[in-house]
Protein backbone atom coordinates (compact mmCIF):
# COMPACT_ATOMS: atom_id res chain seq x y z
CA MET A 1 -17.59 -5.25 -5.13
CA TYR A 2 -17.48 -8.36 -3.29
CA LYS A 3 -20.94 -8.66 -0.85
CA TYR A 4 -20.84 -11.00 2.14
CA ASN A 5 -23.14 -14.01 1.95
CA ASP A 6 -25.01 -15.19 5.50
CA PHE A 7 -22.07 -17.81 5.75
CA ASP A 8 -19.25 -14.54 5.82
CA SER A 9 -21.83 -12.89 8.15
CA ALA A 10 -22.42 -15.48 10.39
CA PHE A 11 -18.42 -16.42 10.26
CA LEU A 12 -17.88 -12.81 11.35
CA ALA A 13 -20.09 -12.42 13.83
CA GLU A 14 -18.84 -15.44 15.84
CA ARG A 15 -15.29 -14.50 15.30
CA ASN A 16 -15.95 -11.11 17.38
CA ARG A 17 -18.09 -13.06 19.52
CA GLN A 18 -15.44 -14.98 20.53
CA PHE A 19 -12.59 -11.56 20.37
CA ARG A 20 -15.25 -10.08 22.75
CA THR A 21 -15.05 -12.72 25.72
CA GLN A 22 -10.77 -12.40 24.88
CA VAL A 23 -11.04 -8.99 26.01
CA GLU A 24 -12.99 -9.21 28.91
CA ARG A 25 -10.88 -12.07 30.10
CA ARG A 26 -7.70 -9.95 29.36
CA ILE A 27 -9.41 -6.87 31.33
CA ASP A 28 -10.47 -8.84 34.24
CA GLY A 29 -6.83 -10.33 34.53
CA ALA A 30 -8.10 -13.89 33.60
CA LEU A 31 -5.52 -13.77 30.97
CA THR A 32 -2.16 -11.71 30.83
CA GLU A 33 -0.56 -9.91 28.25
CA ASP A 34 1.61 -12.93 26.84
CA GLU A 35 -1.61 -15.01 26.68
CA PHE A 36 -3.35 -12.10 25.07
CA LYS A 37 -0.87 -11.14 22.48
CA PRO A 38 -1.40 -14.01 20.04
CA LEU A 39 -5.39 -13.67 20.49
CA ARG A 40 -5.57 -9.90 19.92
CA LEU A 41 -2.62 -10.36 16.93
CA MET A 42 -5.18 -12.38 15.30
CA ASN A 43 -7.85 -9.52 15.30
CA GLY A 44 -5.56 -6.65 14.34
CA LEU A 45 -4.58 -5.31 17.29
CA TYR A 46 -1.50 -4.08 18.11
CA LEU A 47 0.07 -2.76 21.52
CA GLN A 48 2.20 0.55 20.25
CA LEU A 49 4.14 3.05 21.87
CA HIS A 50 1.65 4.56 23.86
CA ALA A 51 -1.65 2.79 23.04
CA TYR A 52 -3.44 -0.04 20.98
CA MET A 53 -3.88 0.62 17.63
CA LEU A 54 -6.06 -1.48 15.53
CA ARG A 55 -5.44 -2.18 11.79
CA VAL A 56 -8.76 -2.44 9.95
CA ALA A 57 -8.00 -4.45 6.72
CA ILE A 58 -9.50 -2.95 3.43
CA PRO A 59 -9.21 -5.78 1.03
CA TYR A 60 -7.85 -4.81 -2.50
CA GLY A 61 -8.19 -1.30 -0.99
CA THR A 62 -11.77 -1.02 -2.15
CA LEU A 63 -14.56 0.38 -0.20
CA ASN A 64 -17.62 1.50 -0.96
CA PRO A 65 -19.34 5.23 0.71
CA ASN A 66 -20.87 3.13 3.96
CA GLN A 67 -17.79 1.47 4.69
CA MET A 68 -15.80 4.90 4.30
CA ARG A 69 -18.46 6.23 6.38
CA ALA A 70 -17.99 3.36 9.02
CA LEU A 71 -14.14 4.07 9.19
CA ALA A 72 -15.05 7.76 10.17
CA LEU A 73 -17.51 6.47 12.91
CA LEU A 74 -14.77 4.42 14.31
CA ALA A 75 -12.41 7.68 13.93
CA ALA A 76 -14.84 9.95 16.00
CA LYS A 77 -16.52 7.93 18.42
CA TRP A 78 -13.52 5.45 19.42
CA ASP A 79 -10.23 7.23 18.42
CA LYS A 80 -9.20 11.14 18.24
CA GLY A 81 -10.71 11.85 15.09
CA TYR A 82 -8.78 10.42 12.81
CA GLY A 83 -7.53 7.55 10.96
CA HIS A 84 -4.08 6.60 9.46
CA PHE A 85 -4.29 4.78 5.81
CA THR A 86 -1.30 2.54 5.44
CA THR A 87 1.23 1.27 2.37
CA ARG A 88 -0.79 -2.11 2.49
CA GLN A 89 -4.22 -0.37 1.70
CA ASN A 90 -5.20 -0.63 5.37
CA ILE A 91 -6.18 1.94 7.84
CA GLN A 92 -5.07 2.14 11.11
CA TYR A 93 -6.84 3.33 14.69
CA ASN A 94 -3.65 4.75 16.89
CA TRP A 95 -5.90 5.39 20.42
CA PRO A 96 -8.67 2.94 20.99
CA LYS A 97 -9.26 1.52 24.45
CA LEU A 98 -9.24 -2.02 25.23
CA LYS A 99 -12.71 -2.02 25.67
CA ASP A 100 -13.98 -0.25 22.98
CA VAL A 101 -12.33 -2.76 20.47
CA PRO A 102 -14.97 -5.37 20.21
CA ASP A 103 -17.82 -2.67 19.81
CA MET A 104 -15.33 -1.47 17.02
CA LEU A 105 -15.27 -4.47 15.72
CA ASP A 106 -18.77 -5.29 15.92
CA ALA A 107 -19.52 -1.95 13.79
CA LEU A 108 -17.00 -2.92 11.27
CA ALA A 109 -18.86 -6.04 10.82
CA GLU A 110 -22.14 -4.13 9.95
CA VAL A 111 -20.77 -2.59 6.70
CA ASN A 112 -18.43 -5.94 5.58
CA LEU A 113 -14.96 -5.26 7.06
CA HIS A 114 -12.66 -6.99 9.59
CA ALA A 115 -9.58 -6.65 11.20
CA ILE A 116 -8.67 -10.53 10.20
CA GLN A 117 -5.16 -11.33 8.91
CA THR A 118 -3.94 -7.82 9.55
CA SER A 119 -1.41 -9.12 12.03
CA GLY A 120 0.38 -12.26 13.06
CA ASN A 121 2.20 -14.80 10.92
CA THR A 122 -0.31 -15.47 8.28
CA ILE A 123 -0.93 -14.11 4.83
CA ARG A 124 -2.17 -10.63 5.31
CA ASN A 125 -4.43 -8.18 3.71
CA VAL A 126 -4.12 -9.02 0.06
CA THR A 127 -3.42 -5.97 -2.28
CA ALA A 128 -4.41 -4.62 -5.37
CA ASP A 129 -3.54 -1.98 -8.36
CA HIS A 130 -5.52 1.05 -6.97
CA PHE A 131 -6.81 2.25 -10.44
CA ALA A 132 -7.67 -2.15 -11.07
CA GLY A 133 -11.00 -2.05 -12.97
CA ALA A 134 -10.65 1.72 -14.14
CA ALA A 135 -7.27 1.89 -15.66
CA ALA A 136 -6.66 2.23 -19.39
CA ASP A 137 -3.96 0.22 -19.49
CA GLU A 138 -5.15 -3.15 -18.03
CA ILE A 139 -5.72 -6.29 -19.27
CA GLU A 140 -8.43 -7.46 -16.93
CA ASP A 141 -9.77 -6.44 -13.28
CA PRO A 142 -7.35 -8.21 -10.68
CA ARG A 143 -9.61 -7.69 -7.65
CA PRO A 144 -11.89 -10.88 -8.07
CA ILE A 145 -8.44 -12.55 -8.25
CA ALA A 146 -7.98 -10.63 -4.74
CA GLU A 147 -10.76 -12.11 -3.17
CA LEU A 148 -10.32 -15.51 -4.55
CA ILE A 149 -7.33 -15.64 -2.50
CA ARG A 150 -8.61 -13.48 0.74
CA GLN A 151 -11.67 -16.30 1.05
CA TRP A 152 -9.19 -18.90 0.38
CA SER A 153 -6.30 -17.34 2.82
CA THR A 154 -8.63 -16.52 5.94
CA ASP A 155 -8.40 -19.10 8.55
CA HIS A 156 -6.63 -21.27 6.33
CA PRO A 157 -5.55 -24.09 9.01
CA GLU A 158 -1.97 -24.67 7.53
CA PHE A 159 -1.02 -21.13 6.81
CA GLN A 160 -1.77 -19.42 10.25
CA PHE A 161 1.49 -20.16 12.31
CA MET A 162 4.17 -19.48 9.82
CA GLY A 163 7.68 -18.60 10.27
CA ARG A 164 6.98 -15.05 9.09
CA LYS A 165 3.89 -13.01 7.25
CA PHE A 166 3.33 -13.54 3.89
CA LYS A 167 2.39 -10.41 1.65
CA ILE A 168 0.44 -10.71 -1.69
CA ALA A 169 -0.40 -8.34 -4.77
CA VAL A 170 -2.20 -8.75 -7.59
CA SER A 171 -2.43 -6.35 -10.51
CA GLY A 172 -3.88 -6.70 -13.73
CA ALA A 173 -2.46 -3.80 -16.09
CA SER A 174 0.95 -3.15 -17.92
CA ASN A 175 2.57 -0.15 -15.19
CA ASP A 176 2.63 -1.87 -11.99
CA ARG A 177 1.20 0.52 -9.31
CA ALA A 178 1.05 -2.66 -6.85
CA VAL A 179 4.73 -2.89 -6.01
CA LEU A 180 4.51 -6.58 -7.33
CA LYS A 181 8.23 -6.93 -6.83
CA ALA A 182 8.33 -5.74 -3.32
CA HIS A 183 5.84 -8.93 -2.35
CA ASP A 184 6.90 -12.29 -1.13
CA LEU A 185 4.20 -13.40 -3.82
CA ALA A 186 2.92 -11.50 -6.50
CA VAL A 187 0.00 -11.95 -8.89
CA GLN A 188 0.25 -10.01 -13.04
CA ILE A 189 -2.76 -11.32 -15.40
CA VAL A 190 -0.92 -11.57 -18.74
CA LYS A 191 -1.61 -12.97 -21.67
CA ASN A 192 0.07 -15.73 -23.71
CA ASP A 193 1.11 -16.36 -27.32
CA GLU A 194 -2.44 -17.61 -28.17
CA GLY A 195 -4.43 -14.68 -26.68
CA GLU A 196 -5.54 -16.47 -23.74
CA VAL A 197 -5.42 -15.31 -20.50
CA GLY A 198 -3.19 -16.35 -17.49
CA TYR A 199 -1.28 -15.25 -14.42
CA GLN A 200 2.31 -14.46 -14.06
CA VAL A 201 3.74 -15.29 -10.49
CA LEU A 202 6.62 -13.68 -9.23
CA VAL A 203 8.11 -14.56 -6.10
CA GLY A 204 10.58 -13.62 -3.08
CA GLY A 205 10.42 -10.10 -3.16
CA GLY A 206 10.64 -7.91 -0.19
CA LEU A 207 12.05 -4.82 1.65
CA GLY A 208 13.03 -4.80 5.75
CA ARG A 209 16.37 -5.21 6.44
CA THR A 210 17.56 -7.52 3.32
CA PRO A 211 15.40 -5.56 0.66
CA MET A 212 15.12 -8.23 -2.46
CA ILE A 213 13.20 -7.58 -5.91
CA GLY A 214 10.47 -10.72 -6.87
CA LYS A 215 11.35 -13.20 -9.60
CA VAL A 216 9.49 -14.66 -11.70
CA LEU A 217 9.00 -18.10 -10.55
CA ASN A 218 6.21 -19.18 -13.28
CA GLU A 219 5.28 -16.87 -16.80
CA PHE A 220 2.16 -18.35 -17.11
CA VAL A 221 -0.06 -20.46 -14.98
CA ALA A 222 -3.72 -21.35 -16.69
CA ALA A 223 -6.74 -19.32 -14.65
CA ASP A 224 -7.93 -23.18 -13.12
CA ASP A 225 -4.36 -23.74 -11.63
CA LEU A 226 -3.72 -20.24 -10.09
CA LEU A 227 -5.02 -21.18 -6.44
CA PRO A 228 -3.46 -24.55 -6.01
CA TYR A 229 -0.20 -23.21 -7.57
CA ILE A 230 -0.51 -20.54 -4.98
CA GLU A 231 -0.80 -22.84 -2.53
CA SER A 232 2.05 -25.35 -3.61
CA VAL A 233 4.70 -21.97 -3.59
CA ILE A 234 3.49 -21.19 0.54
CA SER A 235 3.27 -24.84 1.53
CA VAL A 236 7.02 -25.41 -0.02
CA TRP A 237 8.04 -22.33 1.81
CA ASN A 238 5.91 -23.20 5.20
CA GLN A 239 8.07 -26.36 5.66
CA LEU A 240 11.63 -25.36 4.39
CA GLY A 241 11.64 -21.19 5.54
CA ARG A 242 13.83 -20.43 8.50
CA ARG A 243 12.16 -20.73 11.64
CA ASP A 244 15.72 -20.02 14.13
CA ASN A 245 15.65 -16.53 12.93
CA LYS A 246 12.61 -14.15 12.11
CA TYR A 247 15.05 -11.84 10.36
CA LYS A 248 16.07 -14.56 8.01
CA ALA A 249 12.44 -16.47 7.84
CA ARG A 250 10.79 -14.33 4.67
CA ILE A 251 10.37 -16.20 1.60
CA LYS A 252 13.08 -14.18 0.12
CA ILE A 253 15.76 -15.58 2.31
CA THR A 254 14.51 -18.75 1.37
CA VAL A 255 14.81 -18.11 -2.29
CA HIS A 256 18.02 -16.55 -2.12
CA GLU A 257 19.49 -19.36 -0.34
CA LEU A 258 18.12 -22.53 -2.13
CA GLY A 259 18.24 -20.78 -5.84
CA LEU A 260 15.01 -19.82 -7.88
CA GLU A 261 15.15 -23.21 -9.80
CA LYS A 262 15.23 -25.19 -6.68
CA ILE A 263 12.24 -23.21 -5.40
CA ARG A 264 10.34 -23.79 -8.78
CA GLU A 265 11.47 -27.52 -8.85
CA LEU A 266 9.99 -28.36 -5.27
CA THR A 267 6.78 -26.19 -6.03
CA GLU A 268 5.81 -28.32 -9.41
CA GLU A 269 6.88 -31.21 -7.01
CA ARG A 270 4.01 -29.72 -4.60
CA PHE A 271 1.90 -28.54 -7.06
CA ALA A 272 1.34 -32.29 -8.56
CA GLN A 273 0.15 -33.09 -5.47
CA VAL A 274 -2.07 -30.32 -4.67
CA ARG A 275 -3.95 -29.84 -7.94
CA PRO A 276 -5.82 -32.91 -7.60
CA THR A 277 -7.42 -31.74 -4.28
CA PHE A 278 -8.66 -28.93 -6.15
CA GLY A 279 -11.96 -30.44 -7.79
CA GLY A 280 -13.08 -27.55 -9.21
CA ALA A 281 -14.95 -25.62 -6.16
CA ASP A 282 -12.12 -22.85 -6.47
CA GLN A 283 -13.57 -21.99 -10.08
CA ALA A 284 -17.20 -22.08 -9.29
CA LEU A 285 -16.68 -19.80 -6.26
CA PHE A 286 -14.46 -17.44 -8.74
CA GLN A 287 -17.21 -17.50 -11.29
CA ASP A 288 -19.34 -16.09 -8.36
CA ILE A 289 -17.18 -13.65 -7.01
CA GLN A 290 -16.69 -12.22 -10.99
CA ARG A 291 -20.37 -11.12 -10.79
CA HIS A 292 -19.83 -9.06 -8.15
CA PHE A 293 -17.44 -6.72 -9.82
CA ALA A 294 -19.42 -5.84 -13.06
CA ALA A 295 -18.13 -2.39 -13.92
CA PRO A 296 -21.04 0.69 -13.51
CA ALA A 297 -22.75 1.86 -16.25
CA PHE A 298 -20.70 4.75 -17.28
CA ARG A 299 -22.82 7.42 -18.28
CA ASP A 300 -22.23 8.91 -21.73
CA GLY A 301 -21.79 12.59 -22.23
CA GLY A 302 -19.56 15.01 -23.62
CA THR A 303 -16.92 16.50 -21.10
CA GLU A 304 -17.69 20.43 -22.33
CA GLY A 305 -17.97 21.70 -18.42
CA PHE A 306 -14.61 19.89 -17.36
CA ASP A 307 -13.05 21.42 -20.53
CA ALA A 308 -14.24 24.94 -19.74
CA ALA A 309 -12.97 25.01 -15.84
CA TYR A 310 -9.82 23.46 -17.37
CA ASP A 311 -9.52 26.69 -20.00
CA SER A 312 -10.57 29.23 -17.61
CA ASP A 313 -9.56 28.16 -13.59
CA PRO A 314 -5.72 27.75 -13.44
CA VAL A 315 -6.26 26.34 -9.86
CA PHE A 316 -8.60 23.72 -11.29
CA ARG A 317 -6.02 22.97 -13.76
CA ALA A 318 -3.29 22.28 -11.69
CA TRP A 319 -4.95 19.77 -9.70
CA ALA A 320 -6.18 18.11 -12.94
CA ASP A 321 -2.57 18.29 -14.32
CA THR A 322 -1.35 16.50 -11.24
CA ASN A 323 -4.45 14.22 -9.92
CA LEU A 324 -6.20 13.35 -12.99
CA ALA A 325 -5.71 9.42 -14.75
CA ALA A 326 -6.50 8.23 -17.76
CA HIS A 327 -9.90 6.30 -17.83
CA LYS A 328 -11.04 3.11 -19.42
CA ALA A 329 -14.31 4.84 -20.33
CA PRO A 330 -14.71 7.50 -22.99
CA GLY A 331 -15.26 11.00 -20.74
CA HIS A 332 -14.23 9.44 -17.63
CA ALA A 333 -11.17 10.15 -15.34
CA ILE A 334 -9.61 8.34 -11.82
CA VAL A 335 -9.24 10.95 -9.56
CA THR A 336 -6.54 10.84 -6.57
CA ILE A 337 -7.35 12.44 -3.61
CA SER A 338 -4.56 13.68 -1.52
CA THR A 339 -3.79 12.86 2.02
CA LYS A 340 -0.43 14.69 1.67
CA LYS A 341 -1.50 18.60 2.13
CA HIS A 342 1.89 20.17 2.47
CA GLY A 343 2.70 20.31 6.40
CA ALA A 344 0.26 17.42 7.37
CA THR A 345 0.77 13.74 8.25
CA PRO A 346 0.57 11.13 5.43
CA GLY A 347 -2.40 8.97 5.21
CA ASP A 348 -4.00 10.95 7.69
CA ALA A 349 -7.71 11.72 6.97
CA THR A 350 -10.08 13.15 9.51
CA ALA A 351 -13.51 12.08 10.37
CA GLU A 352 -14.91 14.46 8.41
CA GLN A 353 -12.77 14.00 5.48
CA MET A 354 -13.73 10.31 5.27
CA ARG A 355 -17.73 11.28 5.39
CA GLU A 356 -17.02 13.85 2.58
CA MET A 357 -15.10 11.62 0.48
CA ALA A 358 -18.00 8.79 1.11
CA ASP A 359 -20.16 11.79 0.08
CA ILE A 360 -18.64 12.50 -2.83
CA ALA A 361 -18.24 8.93 -4.27
CA GLU A 362 -22.08 8.32 -3.89
CA GLU A 363 -23.11 11.46 -5.67
CA PHE A 364 -20.51 11.48 -8.55
CA ALA A 365 -18.29 8.16 -8.42
CA TYR A 366 -20.89 5.35 -8.94
CA GLY A 367 -20.50 4.37 -5.40
CA GLU A 368 -16.46 3.53 -5.16
CA LEU A 369 -13.65 4.61 -3.50
CA ARG A 370 -10.18 2.92 -3.20
CA ILE A 371 -7.44 3.31 -0.56
CA SER A 372 -3.78 3.09 -2.69
CA HIS A 373 -0.53 1.74 -1.50
CA GLU A 374 0.61 5.61 -1.38
CA GLN A 375 -1.60 6.63 1.13
CA ASN A 376 -3.78 8.67 -0.45
CA VAL A 377 -7.93 7.72 -1.91
CA ILE A 378 -9.30 7.33 -5.37
CA LEU A 379 -12.25 7.55 -7.26
CA PRO A 380 -11.53 5.27 -9.67
CA HIS A 381 -14.66 6.38 -11.95
CA VAL A 382 -15.80 10.00 -12.69
CA HIS A 383 -17.28 11.42 -15.00
CA LYS A 384 -14.84 14.80 -16.64
CA ASN A 385 -17.63 17.05 -16.51
CA ASP A 386 -18.32 16.42 -12.69
CA LEU A 387 -14.81 16.96 -12.18
CA PRO A 388 -15.43 21.29 -11.08
CA ALA A 389 -17.52 20.20 -8.71
CA ILE A 390 -15.64 17.48 -7.19
CA HIS A 391 -12.82 19.83 -6.73
CA ALA A 392 -15.31 22.39 -5.46
CA ARG A 393 -16.02 20.35 -2.55
CA LEU A 394 -12.65 18.64 -1.89
CA LYS A 395 -11.40 22.49 -1.64
CA ALA A 396 -13.92 23.14 1.09
CA ALA A 397 -13.21 19.35 2.87
CA ASP A 398 -9.25 20.55 2.70
CA LEU A 399 -8.69 17.75 0.58
CA ALA A 400 -7.70 19.48 -2.97
CA THR A 401 -3.82 19.38 -2.98
CA ALA A 402 -2.48 19.06 -6.31
CA ASN A 403 0.73 17.56 -5.66
CA ILE A 404 0.23 13.67 -6.86
CA GLY A 405 3.40 12.00 -7.61
CA LEU A 406 5.17 15.20 -6.61
CA ILE A 407 8.13 15.78 -3.80
CA SER A 408 5.13 16.17 -1.29
CA ASP A 409 3.30 13.22 -2.09
CA ILE A 410 5.37 11.20 0.58
CA ILE A 411 5.19 7.62 1.70
CA ALA A 412 5.80 7.53 5.72
CA CYS A 413 5.36 4.98 8.00
CA PRO A 414 3.95 6.66 11.89
CA GLY A 415 7.52 6.10 13.13
CA MET A 416 8.38 6.94 16.79
CA ASP A 417 5.62 8.91 17.27
CA TYR A 418 3.74 6.05 17.50
CA CYS A 419 5.52 2.50 16.41
CA ALA A 420 7.21 0.66 19.15
CA LEU A 421 9.21 -0.93 17.13
CA ALA A 422 10.79 2.59 15.61
CA THR A 423 14.53 4.23 15.72
CA ALA A 424 13.78 7.66 14.59
CA ARG A 425 10.57 10.10 13.68
CA SER A 426 9.50 9.83 10.30
CA ILE A 427 6.10 12.24 9.94
CA PRO A 428 7.97 15.39 11.11
CA VAL A 429 10.57 14.63 8.47
CA ALA A 430 7.69 14.24 5.83
CA GLN A 431 5.97 17.24 6.88
CA GLU A 432 9.24 19.07 7.05
CA ILE A 433 10.27 18.40 3.36
CA ALA A 434 7.03 19.29 2.10
CA THR A 435 6.69 22.75 3.67
CA ARG A 436 10.09 23.29 2.67
CA PHE A 437 9.93 22.77 -0.90
CA GLU A 438 6.14 24.55 -0.57
CA ASP A 439 8.08 27.70 0.72
CA LEU A 440 10.28 27.21 -2.20
CA LYS A 441 7.41 27.05 -4.57
CA MET A 442 9.85 24.27 -6.85
CA GLU A 443 7.65 21.00 -6.72
CA HIS A 444 6.15 21.32 -9.91
CA ASP A 445 9.52 22.76 -11.25
CA VAL A 446 11.61 19.08 -10.34
CA GLY A 447 8.52 17.00 -11.28
CA HIS A 448 7.54 13.29 -10.24
CA LEU A 449 9.91 12.27 -7.40
CA GLN A 450 9.31 9.60 -4.90
CA ILE A 451 10.40 10.21 -1.31
CA LYS A 452 9.88 7.20 0.82
CA ILE A 453 10.34 7.47 4.41
CA SER A 454 11.04 4.88 7.12
CA GLY A 455 11.27 4.67 10.99
CA CYS A 456 13.29 1.62 11.13
CA ILE A 457 14.72 -1.01 9.40
CA ASN A 458 11.22 -2.68 9.05
CA ALA A 459 10.80 -0.69 6.11
CA CYS A 460 6.92 0.11 6.00
CA GLY A 461 7.78 3.18 4.31
CA HIS A 462 9.14 1.68 1.43
CA HIS A 463 12.31 3.73 1.66
CA HIS A 464 14.26 1.18 -0.23
CA VAL A 465 11.91 1.47 -3.76
CA GLY A 466 11.96 5.43 -3.13
CA HIS A 467 13.76 7.26 -6.01
CA ILE A 468 14.91 9.43 -2.76
CA GLY A 469 14.73 6.88 0.32
CA ILE A 470 15.32 7.92 3.62
CA LEU A 471 15.89 5.77 6.82
CA GLY A 472 15.46 6.80 10.43
CA LEU A 473 18.11 4.89 12.62
CA ASP A 474 19.39 5.43 16.33
CA ARG A 475 23.06 5.67 16.63
CA ALA A 476 23.79 6.11 20.63
CA GLY A 477 20.38 7.67 21.45
CA VAL A 478 20.24 10.30 17.77
CA GLU A 479 18.23 9.94 15.46
CA ASN A 480 20.57 9.53 12.00
CA TYR A 481 18.84 9.31 8.95
CA GLN A 482 20.46 7.15 5.83
CA ILE A 483 19.72 8.45 2.10
CA THR A 484 19.56 6.16 -0.78
CA LEU A 485 19.13 6.81 -4.56
CA GLY A 486 17.48 5.51 -7.18
CA GLY A 487 14.87 3.01 -5.85
CA ASP A 488 11.99 2.22 -8.01
CA ALA A 489 8.44 0.81 -7.00
CA THR A 490 7.34 0.04 -10.87
CA GLU A 491 7.80 -2.35 -13.40
CA THR A 492 11.43 -1.56 -13.31
CA ALA A 493 11.68 -1.96 -9.83
CA ALA A 494 14.89 -1.48 -8.15
CA ILE A 495 16.50 -1.15 -4.62
CA GLY A 496 18.10 2.19 -3.95
CA THR A 497 21.69 2.53 -3.44
CA ARG A 498 22.89 4.14 -0.35
CA THR A 499 24.68 7.31 -0.95
CA GLY A 500 27.03 7.46 1.95
CA PRO A 501 27.20 8.33 5.71
CA GLY A 502 23.56 9.20 7.59
CA PHE A 503 22.80 12.61 8.49
CA ALA A 504 21.12 14.43 11.88
CA TYR A 505 17.55 14.80 12.09
CA ASP A 506 18.41 19.18 11.71
CA GLU A 507 20.31 18.14 8.51
CA ILE A 508 18.12 15.52 6.74
CA VAL A 509 15.92 18.35 4.90
CA PRO A 510 18.88 20.24 3.72
CA ALA A 511 20.42 17.10 2.35
CA VAL A 512 17.61 16.10 0.19
CA GLU A 513 17.66 20.15 -0.84
CA ARG A 514 21.23 19.64 -2.15
CA ILE A 515 20.17 16.43 -3.79
CA VAL A 516 17.11 18.07 -5.69
CA ALA A 517 19.61 21.05 -6.65
CA THR A 518 21.66 18.42 -8.32
CA TYR A 519 19.06 16.99 -10.35
CA LEU A 520 18.18 20.24 -11.18
CA GLU A 521 21.51 20.82 -12.75
CA GLN A 522 21.90 17.32 -14.10
CA ARG A 523 19.10 16.90 -15.99
CA ASP A 524 19.00 17.31 -19.77
CA SER A 525 15.76 19.11 -19.87
CA ALA A 526 12.46 19.43 -17.84
CA GLU A 527 10.90 16.32 -19.34
CA GLU A 528 13.34 14.28 -17.85
CA GLU A 529 12.17 13.13 -14.30
CA PHE A 530 14.91 12.55 -11.18
CA LEU A 531 14.91 8.72 -11.91
CA GLN A 532 15.79 9.23 -15.58
CA THR A 533 18.73 11.62 -14.65
CA TYR A 534 20.16 9.21 -11.66
CA ARG A 535 20.37 6.55 -13.90
CA ARG A 536 21.99 8.17 -16.75
CA VAL A 537 24.72 10.00 -14.49
CA GLY A 538 24.98 7.56 -11.61
CA MET A 539 25.80 8.19 -7.90
CA GLU A 540 28.45 10.18 -7.68
CA PRO A 541 27.07 13.86 -8.59
CA PHE A 542 24.86 13.48 -5.56
CA LYS A 543 27.63 12.41 -3.46
CA ALA A 544 29.71 15.26 -4.39
CA ALA A 545 26.92 17.81 -3.26
CA LEU A 546 25.98 15.45 -0.30
CA TYR A 547 29.34 14.92 1.13
CA PRO A 548 31.49 18.03 -0.17
CA ALA A 549 33.97 17.94 3.07
CA SER A 550 34.98 13.89 2.52
CA GLU A 551 35.04 15.00 -1.58
CA LYS A 552 37.71 17.59 -0.47
CA LYS A 553 39.89 15.19 1.59
CA VAL A 554 39.77 12.80 -1.03
CA ALA A 555 41.20 15.40 -3.52
């Protein structure tokens, strides 16, 4: 992973010093809240429903053990003992006191972490495939590209006050684990017919009140051209994007209104102007960055210990079946640690749990952790023989839930429990769904099914791309939950279709039960997953189950 140099450290120290002064001025009344707002947002500090919230960047989701311990320190010393991992691979602290925030930022700086550009109308934290550098289906580790974009975009003078925020994701694998097509801009590492490695660039994706799937702007951008090409795309949008209406200011609207061909034409014109200004310094920097992402020296050895535990321990076997993924190195696996214990808040981890995950990574996982956009924690490199010991440690820390990809592995935003923008609760709905299907002992029979929940139209819970998406809204002061079906966050990305009228809070869990029961009735076999069944049979059987009274009236 990337290690800060003297320039990076000095830059961050000065940035934090300036913000400390700004906080002091706010506390003593020299700055009003309106004056302070743009300053705090530039440093990742929000004013939420009950308190300030600090959003810390975890660039491309990568952490080392000391960084995870620093996140635990912030939770224990300056918050209420926990942090919340988000769908942008960040972590949020929901209860800091304003006077403590500068100390929190200084503690982060000691381990090369910050909160810069986790808010505001700028280029946000660049996200990546959480299996990057480990996945068996990967062409190339995309994290060096993500780090190059991070350095280029940090305090970029042209892109600090745009019409709206701008989100970028990168991936180097054939399977999309980064939700590329739901981003303003996405970079996919590809090979051309000659076997050369380059980049496919997608543009115009995004969720929120106008969800859209990203489109391919350029099939193959050469390695030397990527950064000036990205700058050209964002520059075109920054000039043409609407500023009269923030709800129509994202690049997806610009692409929709002008058309992809026009955006491509304007980007090429801008690229012709921008490319000569890149004299090669970006490629020299990229080569230096790549050195920081060398793969660990994977150890050799058989997997007898893993095999014996898998054959003899059904609890370990269930966890291995759901929480492990294929690794590119022989004898190794990728471990996903679920933060979704049944009844827990999705994405939350206590300080003690963070410390234990850091210790496990240091002892068993080559000193590396990842945060996924699915709000779980990844050990990307683990030798299989260490898995029984890791499982035992996770079990003792209440982190061994065997549910990755199952119905209780729910993405949920903080909702009305914390967020000032929310119009309904998300967390209790997620908790009740997970608890209900655990009580029914159904989720392993149901198999792969992704539920995503948002507490408002901004869609921070990615509900549009959930197999079952749930959107909480306010209807005359009463929580009302709309359901969409058929969303997909992978390489076959799709926006879910709304089923019909929404459901009251006490009706939403039974509604999900009816959807699942319909799927079990309709599927061809246990091997046919929910999304496959939905695509085969369509919406009607599910609507009939959800709205039986209206069906009778139609009949």
